[in-house]
PDB file of N, CA and C in Angstrom:
ATOM      1  N   MET A   1       0.837  -1.183   0.000  1.00  0.00           N
ATOM      2  CA  MET A   1       0.000   0.000   0.000  1.00  0.00           C
ATOM      3  C   MET A   1       0.878   1.241   0.000  1.00  0.00           C
ATOM      4  N   ALA A   2       0.611   2.122  -0.897  1.00  0.00           N
ATOM      5  CA  ALA A   2       1.466   3.289  -1.070  1.00  0.00           C
ATOM      6  C   ALA A   2       1.237   4.371  -0.022  1.00  0.00           C
ATOM      7  N   SER A   3       0.008   4.554   0.410  1.00  0.00           N
ATOM      8  CA  SER A   3      -0.285   5.638   1.349  1.00  0.00           C
ATOM      9  C   SER A   3      -0.038   5.195   2.786  1.00  0.00           C
ATOM     10  N   GLU A   4       0.637   6.049   3.535  1.00  0.00           N
ATOM     11  CA  GLU A   4       0.887   5.746   4.949  1.00  0.00           C
ATOM     12  C   GLU A   4      -0.389   5.867   5.767  1.00  0.00           C
ATOM     13  N   ASN A   5      -1.446   6.437   5.185  1.00  0.00           N
ATOM     14  CA  ASN A   5      -2.717   6.610   5.886  1.00  0.00           C
ATOM     15  C   ASN A   5      -3.675   5.445   5.682  1.00  0.00           C
ATOM     16  N   VAL A   6      -3.243   4.394   4.976  1.00  0.00           N
ATOM     17  CA  VAL A   6      -4.085   3.230   4.746  1.00  0.00           C
ATOM     18  C   VAL A   6      -3.559   2.065   5.588  1.00  0.00           C
ATOM     19  N   LEU A   7      -4.426   1.546   6.457  1.00  0.00           N
ATOM     20  CA  LEU A   7      -4.054   0.429   7.328  1.00  0.00           C
ATOM     21  C   LEU A   7      -4.362  -0.896   6.655  1.00  0.00           C
ATOM     22  N   GLU A   8      -3.580  -1.905   6.982  1.00  0.00           N
ATOM     23  CA  GLU A   8      -3.907  -3.259   6.552  1.00  0.00           C
ATOM     24  C   GLU A   8      -4.769  -3.869   7.648  1.00  0.00           C
ATOM     25  N   ILE A   9      -5.992  -4.231   7.298  1.00  0.00           N
ATOM     26  CA  ILE A   9      -6.908  -4.827   8.264  1.00  0.00           C
ATOM     27  C   ILE A   9      -6.936  -6.331   8.035  1.00  0.00           C
ATOM     28  N   THR A  10      -6.862  -7.082   9.130  1.00  0.00           N
ATOM     29  CA  THR A  10      -6.843  -8.541   9.079  1.00  0.00           C
ATOM     30  C   THR A  10      -7.919  -9.094  10.013  1.00  0.00           C
ATOM     31  N   ASP A  11      -8.111 -10.400   9.969  1.00  0.00           N
ATOM     32  CA  ASP A  11      -9.026 -11.025  10.921  1.00  0.00           C
ATOM     33  C   ASP A  11      -8.585 -10.720  12.356  1.00  0.00           C
ATOM     34  N   GLU A  12      -7.268 -10.671  12.559  1.00  0.00           N
ATOM     35  CA  GLU A  12      -6.719 -10.493  13.907  1.00  0.00           C
ATOM     36  C   GLU A  12      -6.890  -9.072  14.447  1.00  0.00           C
ATOM     37  N   ASN A  13      -6.776  -8.053  13.593  1.00  0.00           N
ATOM     38  CA  ASN A  13      -6.844  -6.686  14.120  1.00  0.00           C
ATOM     39  C   ASN A  13      -8.169  -5.979  13.832  1.00  0.00           C
ATOM     40  N   PHE A  14      -9.130  -6.667  13.209  1.00  0.00           N
ATOM     41  CA  PHE A  14     -10.400  -6.037  12.855  1.00  0.00           C
ATOM     42  C   PHE A  14     -11.107  -5.440  14.066  1.00  0.00           C
ATOM     43  N   GLU A  15     -11.214  -6.198  15.119  1.00  0.00           N
ATOM     44  CA  GLU A  15     -11.920  -5.734  16.328  1.00  0.00           C
ATOM     45  C   GLU A  15     -11.320  -4.430  16.847  1.00  0.00           C
ATOM     46  N   ALA A  16     -10.008  -4.403  16.981  1.00  0.00           N
ATOM     47  CA  ALA A  16      -9.331  -3.223  17.530  1.00  0.00           C
ATOM     48  C   ALA A  16      -9.374  -2.042  16.575  1.00  0.00           C
ATOM     49  N   GLU A  17      -9.122  -2.279  15.302  1.00  0.00           N
ATOM     50  CA  GLU A  17      -8.997  -1.181  14.337  1.00  0.00           C
ATOM     51  C   GLU A  17     -10.330  -0.660  13.812  1.00  0.00           C
ATOM     52  N   VAL A  18     -11.339  -1.522  13.754  1.00  0.00           N
ATOM     53  CA  VAL A  18     -12.620  -1.115  13.159  1.00  0.00           C
ATOM     54  C   VAL A  18     -13.716  -1.000  14.216  1.00  0.00           C
ATOM     55  N   ASN A  19     -14.019  -2.098  14.887  1.00  0.00           N
ATOM     56  CA  ASN A  19     -15.123  -2.072  15.858  1.00  0.00           C
ATOM     57  C   ASN A  19     -14.864  -1.128  17.028  1.00  0.00           C
ATOM     58  N   ASN A  20     -13.621  -1.011  17.453  1.00  0.00           N
ATOM     59  CA  ASN A  20     -13.307  -0.168  18.600  1.00  0.00           C
ATOM     60  C   ASN A  20     -12.769   1.204  18.223  1.00  0.00           C
ATOM     61  N   ALA A  21     -12.884   1.571  16.951  1.00  0.00           N
ATOM     62  CA  ALA A  21     -12.355   2.862  16.483  1.00  0.00           C
ATOM     63  C   ALA A  21     -13.186   4.015  17.046  1.00  0.00           C
ATOM     64  N   SER A  22     -12.516   5.094  17.375  1.00  0.00           N
ATOM     65  CA  SER A  22     -13.201   6.281  17.905  1.00  0.00           C
ATOM     66  C   SER A  22     -13.678   7.210  16.791  1.00  0.00           C
ATOM     67  N   VAL A  23     -13.332   6.895  15.556  1.00  0.00           N
ATOM     68  CA  VAL A  23     -13.737   7.676  14.380  1.00  0.00           C
ATOM     69  C   VAL A  23     -14.335   6.717  13.349  1.00  0.00           C
ATOM     70  N   PRO A  24     -15.079   7.231  12.360  1.00  0.00           N
ATOM     71  CA  PRO A  24     -15.574   6.349  11.293  1.00  0.00           C
ATOM     72  C   PRO A  24     -14.417   5.643  10.579  1.00  0.00           C
ATOM     73  N   VAL A  25     -14.705   4.459  10.051  1.00  0.00           N
ATOM     74  CA  VAL A  25     -13.694   3.662   9.349  1.00  0.00           C
ATOM     75  C   VAL A  25     -14.218   3.288   7.970  1.00  0.00           C
ATOM     76  N   LEU A  26     -13.451   3.631   6.934  1.00  0.00           N
ATOM     77  CA  LEU A  26     -13.752   3.195   5.581  1.00  0.00           C
ATOM     78  C   LEU A  26     -12.899   1.962   5.319  1.00  0.00           C
ATOM     79  N   LEU A  27     -13.535   0.845   5.007  1.00  0.00           N
ATOM     80  CA  LEU A  27     -12.810  -0.402   4.794  1.00  0.00           C
ATOM     81  C   LEU A  27     -13.064  -0.914   3.385  1.00  0.00           C
ATOM     82  N   ASP A  28     -11.977  -1.078   2.649  1.00  0.00           N
ATOM     83  CA  ASP A  28     -12.007  -1.572   1.271  1.00  0.00           C
ATOM     84  C   ASP A  28     -11.730  -3.071   1.286  1.00  0.00           C
ATOM     85  N   PHE A  29     -12.733  -3.864   0.903  1.00  0.00           N
ATOM     86  CA  PHE A  29     -12.567  -5.314   0.769  1.00  0.00           C
ATOM     87  C   PHE A  29     -12.099  -5.568  -0.656  1.00  0.00           C
ATOM     88  N   TRP A  30     -10.934  -6.189  -0.803  1.00  0.00           N
ATOM     89  CA  TRP A  30     -10.310  -6.342  -2.113  1.00  0.00           C
ATOM     90  C   TRP A  30      -9.539  -7.652  -2.182  1.00  0.00           C
ATOM     91  N   ALA A  31      -8.985  -7.940  -3.357  1.00  0.00           N
ATOM     92  CA  ALA A  31      -8.083  -9.088  -3.545  1.00  0.00           C
ATOM     93  C   ALA A  31      -7.063  -8.718  -4.612  1.00  0.00           C
ATOM     94  N   GLU A  32      -5.902  -9.310  -4.512  1.00  0.00           N
ATOM     95  CA  GLU A  32      -4.786  -9.021  -5.415  1.00  0.00           C
ATOM     96  C   GLU A  32      -5.142  -9.289  -6.876  1.00  0.00           C
ATOM     97  N   TRP A  33      -5.945 -10.313  -7.143  1.00  0.00           N
ATOM     98  CA  TRP A  33      -6.267 -10.723  -8.503  1.00  0.00           C
ATOM     99  C   TRP A  33      -7.414  -9.913  -9.126  1.00  0.00           C
ATOM    100  N   CYS A  34      -8.029  -9.032  -8.351  1.00  0.00           N
ATOM    101  CA  CYS A  34      -9.224  -8.296  -8.779  1.00  0.00           C
ATOM    102  C   CYS A  34      -8.842  -6.986  -9.464  1.00  0.00           C
ATOM    103  N   MET A  35      -9.057  -6.906 -10.776  1.00  0.00           N
ATOM    104  CA  MET A  35      -8.670  -5.707 -11.520  1.00  0.00           C
ATOM    105  C   MET A  35      -9.461  -4.463 -11.092  1.00  0.00           C
ATOM    106  N   PRO A  36     -10.797  -4.534 -10.920  1.00  0.00           N
ATOM    107  CA  PRO A  36     -11.505  -3.343 -10.429  1.00  0.00           C
ATOM    108  C   PRO A  36     -10.998  -2.892  -9.046  1.00  0.00           C
ATOM    109  N   CYS A  37     -10.573  -3.845  -8.228  1.00  0.00           N
ATOM    110  CA  CYS A  37     -10.013  -3.508  -6.911  1.00  0.00           C
ATOM    111  C   CYS A  37      -8.744  -2.673  -7.078  1.00  0.00           C
ATOM    112  N   LYS A  38      -7.915  -3.081  -8.020  1.00  0.00           N
ATOM    113  CA  LYS A  38      -6.676  -2.340  -8.276  1.00  0.00           C
ATOM    114  C   LYS A  38      -6.984  -0.946  -8.816  1.00  0.00           C
ATOM    115  N   MET A  39      -8.041  -0.824  -9.603  1.00  0.00           N
ATOM    116  CA  MET A  39      -8.436   0.476 -10.131  1.00  0.00           C
ATOM    117  C   MET A  39      -8.956   1.384  -9.014  1.00  0.00           C
ATOM    118  N   LEU A  40      -9.590   0.790  -8.010  1.00  0.00           N
ATOM    119  CA  LEU A  40     -10.128   1.564  -6.890  1.00  0.00           C
ATOM    120  C   LEU A  40      -9.033   1.979  -5.909  1.00  0.00           C
ATOM    121  N   GLY A  41      -7.916   1.277  -5.907  1.00  0.00           N
ATOM    122  CA  GLY A  41      -6.823   1.540  -4.965  1.00  0.00           C
ATOM    123  C   GLY A  41      -6.413   2.997  -4.847  1.00  0.00           C
ATOM    124  N   PRO A  42      -6.138   3.682  -5.964  1.00  0.00           N
ATOM    125  CA  PRO A  42      -5.741   5.088  -5.868  1.00  0.00           C
ATOM    126  C   PRO A  42      -6.825   5.982  -5.262  1.00  0.00           C
ATOM    127  N   VAL A  43      -8.091   5.659  -5.507  1.00  0.00           N
ATOM    128  CA  VAL A  43      -9.197   6.427  -4.917  1.00  0.00           C
ATOM    129  C   VAL A  43      -9.192   6.260  -3.401  1.00  0.00           C
ATOM    130  N   ILE A  44      -8.982   5.027  -2.957  1.00  0.00           N
ATOM    131  CA  ILE A  44      -8.933   4.753  -1.514  1.00  0.00           C
ATOM    132  C   ILE A  44      -7.777   5.529  -0.882  1.00  0.00           C
ATOM    133  N   GLU A  45      -6.633   5.554  -1.547  1.00  0.00           N
ATOM    134  CA  GLU A  45      -5.480   6.293  -1.027  1.00  0.00           C
ATOM    135  C   GLU A  45      -5.754   7.794  -0.976  1.00  0.00           C
ATOM    136  N   GLU A  46      -6.420   8.322  -1.998  1.00  0.00           N
ATOM    137  CA  GLU A  46      -6.777   9.746  -1.996  1.00  0.00           C
ATOM    138  C   GLU A  46      -7.704  10.077  -0.829  1.00  0.00           C
ATOM    139  N   ILE A  47      -8.694   9.225  -0.614  1.00  0.00           N
ATOM    140  CA  ILE A  47      -9.628   9.420   0.509  1.00  0.00           C
ATOM    141  C   ILE A  47      -8.859   9.381   1.829  1.00  0.00           C
ATOM    142  N   ALA A  48      -7.942   8.425   1.949  1.00  0.00           N
ATOM    143  CA  ALA A  48      -7.151   8.288   3.180  1.00  0.00           C
ATOM    144  C   ALA A  48      -6.345   9.548   3.453  1.00  0.00           C
ATOM    145  N   ASP A  49      -5.736  10.103   2.417  1.00  0.00           N
ATOM    146  CA  ASP A  49      -4.933  11.317   2.585  1.00  0.00           C
ATOM    147  C   ASP A  49      -5.819  12.536   2.852  1.00  0.00           C
ATOM    148  N   LEU A  50      -6.947  12.614   2.158  1.00  0.00           N
ATOM    149  CA  LEU A  50      -7.860  13.744   2.298  1.00  0.00           C
ATOM    150  C   LEU A  50      -8.474  13.818   3.696  1.00  0.00           C
ATOM    151  N   TYR A  51      -8.795  12.652   4.274  1.00  0.00           N
ATOM    152  CA  TYR A  51      -9.475  12.607   5.568  1.00  0.00           C
ATOM    153  C   TYR A  51      -8.552  12.168   6.709  1.00  0.00           C
ATOM    154  N   ALA A  52      -7.257  12.257   6.501  1.00  0.00           N
ATOM    155  CA  ALA A  52      -6.288  11.862   7.536  1.00  0.00           C
ATOM    156  C   ALA A  52      -6.586  12.610   8.833  1.00  0.00           C
ATOM    157  N   GLY A  53      -6.647  11.866   9.930  1.00  0.00           N
ATOM    158  CA  GLY A  53      -6.925  12.460  11.229  1.00  0.00           C
ATOM    159  C   GLY A  53      -8.405  12.573  11.548  1.00  0.00           C
ATOM    160  N   LYS A  54      -9.266  12.391  10.523  1.00  0.00           N
ATOM    161  CA  LYS A  54     -10.710  12.492  10.734  1.00  0.00           C
ATOM    162  C   LYS A  54     -11.392  11.131  10.722  1.00  0.00           C
ATOM    163  N   ILE A  55     -10.876  10.219   9.867  1.00  0.00           N
ATOM    164  CA  ILE A  55     -11.385   8.857   9.785  1.00  0.00           C
ATOM    165  C   ILE A  55     -10.194   7.913   9.663  1.00  0.00           C
ATOM    166  N   LYS A  56     -10.467   6.623   9.822  1.00  0.00           N
ATOM    167  CA  LYS A  56      -9.474   5.592   9.514  1.00  0.00           C
ATOM    168  C   LYS A  56      -9.833   5.010   8.164  1.00  0.00           C
ATOM    169  N   VAL A  57      -8.824   4.655   7.404  1.00  0.00           N
ATOM    170  CA  VAL A  57      -9.034   3.986   6.124  1.00  0.00           C
ATOM    171  C   VAL A  57      -8.209   2.713   6.130  1.00  0.00           C
ATOM    172  N   GLY A  58      -8.856   1.608   5.765  1.00  0.00           N
ATOM    173  CA  GLY A  58      -8.153   0.336   5.745  1.00  0.00           C
ATOM    174  C   GLY A  58      -8.504  -0.478   4.520  1.00  0.00           C
ATOM    175  N   LYS A  59      -7.639  -1.444   4.240  1.00  0.00           N
ATOM    176  CA  LYS A  59      -7.873  -2.393   3.164  1.00  0.00           C
ATOM    177  C   LYS A  59      -7.813  -3.786   3.771  1.00  0.00           C
ATOM    178  N   LEU A  60      -8.777  -4.631   3.385  1.00  0.00           N
ATOM    179  CA  LEU A  60      -8.835  -5.991   3.875  1.00  0.00           C
ATOM    180  C   LEU A  60      -8.797  -6.939   2.688  1.00  0.00           C
ATOM    181  N   ASP A  61      -7.759  -7.754   2.623  1.00  0.00           N
ATOM    182  CA  ASP A  61      -7.607  -8.737   1.551  1.00  0.00           C
ATOM    183  C   ASP A  61      -8.539  -9.912   1.846  1.00  0.00           C
ATOM    184  N   THR A  62      -9.568 -10.074   1.010  1.00  0.00           N
ATOM    185  CA  THR A  62     -10.575 -11.105   1.277  1.00  0.00           C
ATOM    186  C   THR A  62     -10.018 -12.523   1.169  1.00  0.00           C
ATOM    187  N   ASP A  63      -8.897 -12.693   0.492  1.00  0.00           N
ATOM    188  CA  ASP A  63      -8.285 -14.020   0.399  1.00  0.00           C
ATOM    189  C   ASP A  63      -7.590 -14.413   1.697  1.00  0.00           C
ATOM    190  N   SER A  64      -7.060 -13.443   2.426  1.00  0.00           N
ATOM    191  CA  SER A  64      -6.332 -13.775   3.651  1.00  0.00           C
ATOM    192  C   SER A  64      -7.130 -13.475   4.924  1.00  0.00           C
ATOM    193  N   ALA A  65      -8.184 -12.685   4.822  1.00  0.00           N
ATOM    194  CA  ALA A  65      -9.023 -12.372   5.998  1.00  0.00           C
ATOM    195  C   ALA A  65     -10.444 -12.857   5.732  1.00  0.00           C
ATOM    196  N   ARG A  66     -10.562 -14.137   5.566  1.00  0.00           N
ATOM    197  CA  ARG A  66     -11.847 -14.730   5.176  1.00  0.00           C
ATOM    198  C   ARG A  66     -12.924 -14.612   6.250  1.00  0.00           C
ATOM    199  N   ASP A  67     -12.545 -14.644   7.520  1.00  0.00           N
ATOM    200  CA  ASP A  67     -13.548 -14.580   8.591  1.00  0.00           C
ATOM    201  C   ASP A  67     -14.331 -13.281   8.550  1.00  0.00           C
ATOM    202  N   VAL A  68     -13.626 -12.168   8.429  1.00  0.00           N
ATOM    203  CA  VAL A  68     -14.300 -10.869   8.376  1.00  0.00           C
ATOM    204  C   VAL A  68     -15.104 -10.750   7.080  1.00  0.00           C
ATOM    205  N   ALA A  69     -14.534 -11.192   5.972  1.00  0.00           N
ATOM    206  CA  ALA A  69     -15.243 -11.130   4.686  1.00  0.00           C
ATOM    207  C   ALA A  69     -16.543 -11.924   4.755  1.00  0.00           C
ATOM    208  N   MET A  70     -16.515 -13.083   5.375  1.00  0.00           N
ATOM    209  CA  MET A  70     -17.720 -13.900   5.504  1.00  0.00           C
ATOM    210  C   MET A  70     -18.720 -13.254   6.463  1.00  0.00           C
ATOM    211  N   LYS A  71     -18.237 -12.657   7.534  1.00  0.00           N
ATOM    212  CA  LYS A  71     -19.119 -12.020   8.514  1.00  0.00           C
ATOM    213  C   LYS A  71     -19.973 -10.934   7.865  1.00  0.00           C
ATOM    214  N   PHE A  72     -19.414 -10.227   6.889  1.00  0.00           N
ATOM    215  CA  PHE A  72     -20.126  -9.135   6.235  1.00  0.00           C
ATOM    216  C   PHE A  72     -20.662  -9.522   4.856  1.00  0.00           C
ATOM    217  N   ASP A  73     -20.748 -10.847   4.602  1.00  0.00           N
ATOM    218  CA  ASP A  73     -21.327 -11.369   3.360  1.00  0.00           C
ATOM    219  C   ASP A  73     -20.755 -10.716   2.113  1.00  0.00           C
ATOM    220  N   ILE A  74     -19.436 -10.633   2.065  1.00  0.00           N
ATOM    221  CA  ILE A  74     -18.783 -10.060   0.889  1.00  0.00           C
ATOM    222  C   ILE A  74     -18.810 -11.103  -0.221  1.00  0.00           C
ATOM    223  N   SER A  75     -19.652 -10.863  -1.225  1.00  0.00           N
ATOM    224  CA  SER A  75     -19.772 -11.812  -2.335  1.00  0.00           C
ATOM    225  C   SER A  75     -19.262 -11.222  -3.643  1.00  0.00           C
ATOM    226  N   ALA A  76     -19.012  -9.915  -3.648  1.00  0.00           N
ATOM    227  CA  ALA A  76     -18.459  -9.254  -4.827  1.00  0.00           C
ATOM    228  C   ALA A  76     -17.443  -8.225  -4.352  1.00  0.00           C
ATOM    229  N   ILE A  77     -16.339  -8.135  -5.082  1.00  0.00           N
ATOM    230  CA  ILE A  77     -15.331  -7.136  -4.734  1.00  0.00           C
ATOM    231  C   ILE A  77     -15.018  -6.316  -5.971  1.00  0.00           C
ATOM    232  N   PRO A  78     -14.647  -5.069  -5.790  1.00  0.00           N
ATOM    233  CA  PRO A  78     -14.457  -4.419  -4.507  1.00  0.00           C
ATOM    234  C   PRO A  78     -15.786  -4.084  -3.817  1.00  0.00           C
ATOM    235  N   THR A  79     -15.766  -4.194  -2.508  1.00  0.00           N
ATOM    236  CA  THR A  79     -16.849  -3.704  -1.667  1.00  0.00           C
ATOM    237  C   THR A  79     -16.215  -2.756  -0.674  1.00  0.00           C
ATOM    238  N   VAL A  80     -16.819  -1.598  -0.495  1.00  0.00           N
ATOM    239  CA  VAL A  80     -16.344  -0.626   0.487  1.00  0.00           C
ATOM    240  C   VAL A  80     -17.448  -0.453   1.519  1.00  0.00           C
ATOM    241  N   ILE A  81     -17.093  -0.664   2.789  1.00  0.00           N
ATOM    242  CA  ILE A  81     -18.041  -0.448   3.877  1.00  0.00           C
ATOM    243  C   ILE A  81     -17.500   0.659   4.766  1.00  0.00           C
ATOM    244  N   ILE A  82     -18.376   1.599   5.083  1.00  0.00           N
ATOM    245  CA  ILE A  82     -18.009   2.642   6.040  1.00  0.00           C
ATOM    246  C   ILE A  82     -18.683   2.297   7.362  1.00  0.00           C
ATOM    247  N   PHE A  83     -17.861   2.104   8.379  1.00  0.00           N
ATOM    248  CA  PHE A  83     -18.339   1.769   9.712  1.00  0.00           C
ATOM    249  C   PHE A  83     -18.353   3.024  10.578  1.00  0.00           C
ATOM    250  N   ASN A  84     -19.351   3.118  11.429  1.00  0.00           N
ATOM    251  CA  ASN A  84     -19.410   4.192  12.410  1.00  0.00           C
ATOM    252  C   ASN A  84     -19.770   3.558  13.744  1.00  0.00           C
ATOM    253  N   LYS A  85     -18.875   3.672  14.706  1.00  0.00           N
ATOM    254  CA  LYS A  85     -19.067   3.060  16.032  1.00  0.00           C
ATOM    255  C   LYS A  85     -19.295   1.558  15.918  1.00  0.00           C
ATOM    256  N   GLY A  86     -18.561   0.924  15.013  1.00  0.00           N
ATOM    257  CA  GLY A  86     -18.636  -0.523  14.857  1.00  0.00           C
ATOM    258  C   GLY A  86     -19.806  -1.028  14.038  1.00  0.00           C
ATOM    259  N   GLU A  87     -20.685  -0.128  13.599  1.00  0.00           N
ATOM    260  CA  GLU A  87     -21.860  -0.509  12.821  1.00  0.00           C
ATOM    261  C   GLU A  87     -21.673  -0.111  11.354  1.00  0.00           C
ATOM    262  N   VAL A  88     -22.292  -0.875  10.450  1.00  0.00           N
ATOM    263  CA  VAL A  88     -22.228  -0.545   9.027  1.00  0.00           C
ATOM    264  C   VAL A  88     -23.095   0.692   8.781  1.00  0.00           C
ATOM    265  N   ALA A  89     -22.477   1.764   8.307  1.00  0.00           N
ATOM    266  CA  ALA A  89     -23.197   3.002   8.013  1.00  0.00           C
ATOM    267  C   ALA A  89     -23.511   3.111   6.520  1.00  0.00           C
ATOM    268  N   HIS A  90     -22.575   2.690   5.677  1.00  0.00           N
ATOM    269  CA  HIS A  90     -22.756   2.722   4.221  1.00  0.00           C
ATOM    270  C   HIS A  90     -22.044   1.525   3.625  1.00  0.00           C
ATOM    271  N   ARG A  91     -22.609   1.004   2.542  1.00  0.00           N
ATOM    272  CA  ARG A  91     -22.002  -0.129   1.837  1.00  0.00           C
ATOM    273  C   ARG A  91     -22.047   0.172   0.349  1.00  0.00           C
ATOM    274  N   PHE A  92     -20.904   0.068  -0.300  1.00  0.00           N
ATOM    275  CA  PHE A  92     -20.783   0.295  -1.737  1.00  0.00           C
ATOM    276  C   PHE A  92     -20.218  -0.971  -2.369  1.00  0.00           C
ATOM    277  N   VAL A  93     -20.833  -1.456  -3.438  1.00  0.00           N
ATOM    278  CA  VAL A  93     -20.336  -2.642  -4.131  1.00  0.00           C
ATOM    279  C   VAL A  93     -19.947  -2.234  -5.540  1.00  0.00           C
ATOM    280  N   GLY A  94     -18.742  -2.633  -5.936  1.00  0.00           N
ATOM    281  CA  GLY A  94     -18.242  -2.313  -7.263  1.00  0.00           C
ATOM    282  C   GLY A  94     -17.362  -1.073  -7.231  1.00  0.00           C
ATOM    283  N   LEU A  95     -16.866  -0.718  -8.389  1.00  0.00           N
ATOM    284  CA  LEU A  95     -15.983   0.434  -8.540  1.00  0.00           C
ATOM    285  C   LEU A  95     -16.748   1.709  -8.196  1.00  0.00           C
ATOM    286  N   GLN A  96     -16.176   2.555  -7.346  1.00  0.00           N
ATOM    287  CA  GLN A  96     -16.859   3.755  -6.868  1.00  0.00           C
ATOM    288  C   GLN A  96     -16.095   5.017  -7.239  1.00  0.00           C
ATOM    289  N   GLN A  97     -16.836   6.096  -7.325  1.00  0.00           N
ATOM    290  CA  GLN A  97     -16.236   7.403  -7.537  1.00  0.00           C
ATOM    291  C   GLN A  97     -15.810   7.987  -6.197  1.00  0.00           C
ATOM    292  N   LYS A  98     -14.749   8.749  -6.212  1.00  0.00           N
ATOM    293  CA  LYS A  98     -14.265   9.417  -5.003  1.00  0.00           C
ATOM    294  C   LYS A  98     -15.354  10.302  -4.403  1.00  0.00           C
ATOM    295  N   THR A  99     -16.117  10.989  -5.250  1.00  0.00           N
ATOM    296  CA  THR A  99     -17.149  11.907  -4.755  1.00  0.00           C
ATOM    297  C   THR A  99     -18.244  11.171  -3.975  1.00  0.00           C
ATOM    298  N   ASP A 100     -18.607   9.980  -4.428  1.00  0.00           N
ATOM    299  CA  ASP A 100     -19.644   9.209  -3.725  1.00  0.00           C
ATOM    300  C   ASP A 100     -19.166   8.787  -2.334  1.00  0.00           C
ATOM    301  N   LEU A 101     -17.929   8.334  -2.269  1.00  0.00           N
ATOM    302  CA  LEU A 101     -17.366   7.949  -0.968  1.00  0.00           C
ATOM    303  C   LEU A 101     -17.241   9.163  -0.067  1.00  0.00           C
ATOM    304  N   ALA A 102     -16.777  10.284  -0.617  1.00  0.00           N
ATOM    305  CA  ALA A 102     -16.595  11.503   0.168  1.00  0.00           C
ATOM    306  C   ALA A 102     -17.930  12.022   0.706  1.00  0.00           C
ATOM    307  N   GLU A 103     -18.992  11.941  -0.097  1.00  0.00           N
ATOM    308  CA  GLU A 103     -20.313  12.376   0.365  1.00  0.00           C
ATOM    309  C   GLU A 103     -20.767  11.572   1.575  1.00  0.00           C
ATOM    310  N   ALA A 104     -20.567  10.258   1.525  1.00  0.00           N
ATOM    311  CA  ALA A 104     -20.972   9.398   2.632  1.00  0.00           C
ATOM    312  C   ALA A 104     -20.154   9.709   3.890  1.00  0.00           C
ATOM    313  N   ILE A 105     -18.866   9.940   3.717  1.00  0.00           N
ATOM    314  CA  ILE A 105     -17.999  10.282   4.851  1.00  0.00           C
ATOM    315  C   ILE A 105     -18.392  11.637   5.424  1.00  0.00           C
ATOM    316  N   ASP A 106     -18.590  12.617   4.559  1.00  0.00           N
ATOM    317  CA  ASP A 106     -18.966  13.962   5.013  1.00  0.00           C
ATOM    318  C   ASP A 106     -20.267  13.919   5.814  1.00  0.00           C
ATOM    319  N   ALA A 107     -21.222  13.097   5.387  1.00  0.00           N
ATOM    320  CA  ALA A 107     -22.497  12.990   6.103  1.00  0.00           C
ATOM    321  C   ALA A 107     -22.279  12.460   7.523  1.00  0.00           C
ATOM    322  N   LEU A 108     -21.356  11.524   7.674  1.00  0.00           N
ATOM    323  CA  LEU A 108     -21.069  10.972   9.005  1.00  0.00           C
ATOM    324  C   LEU A 108     -20.324  11.974   9.885  1.00  0.00           C
ATOM    325  N   LEU A 109     -19.486  12.787   9.263  1.00  0.00           N
ATOM    326  CA  LEU A 109     -18.684  13.741  10.029  1.00  0.00           C
ATOM    327  C   LEU A 109     -19.433  15.022  10.363  1.00  0.00           C
ATOM    328  N   ALA A 110     -20.576  15.235   9.686  1.00  0.00           N
ATOM    329  CA  ALA A 110     -21.332  16.486   9.876  1.00  0.00           C
ATOM    330  C   ALA A 110     -21.946  16.576  11.268  1.00  0.00           C
TER     331      ALA A 110
END
């Protein structure tokens, strides 16, 4: 991951990094072999840099963190879920525009 503001989320650290976060968390469910996921990567990094200090941004590899992926019924990737206080606030499936993600984040931060 190129951006220092993007965390790697795993089955092991999900509880601490997402459920127990004091700020909203945008989590990108992706896989190395997924071309749309790779296309979304730069958007996720831009969001992470734009909202640094206001939200957490993480990426979860569905191939290596299967427990969390199954818990949230991830059947298509990329899927982006924005969590607020450990609850799903917004869910986006497929390639997304930066503006759509930013609108959802701004609504939570308002």
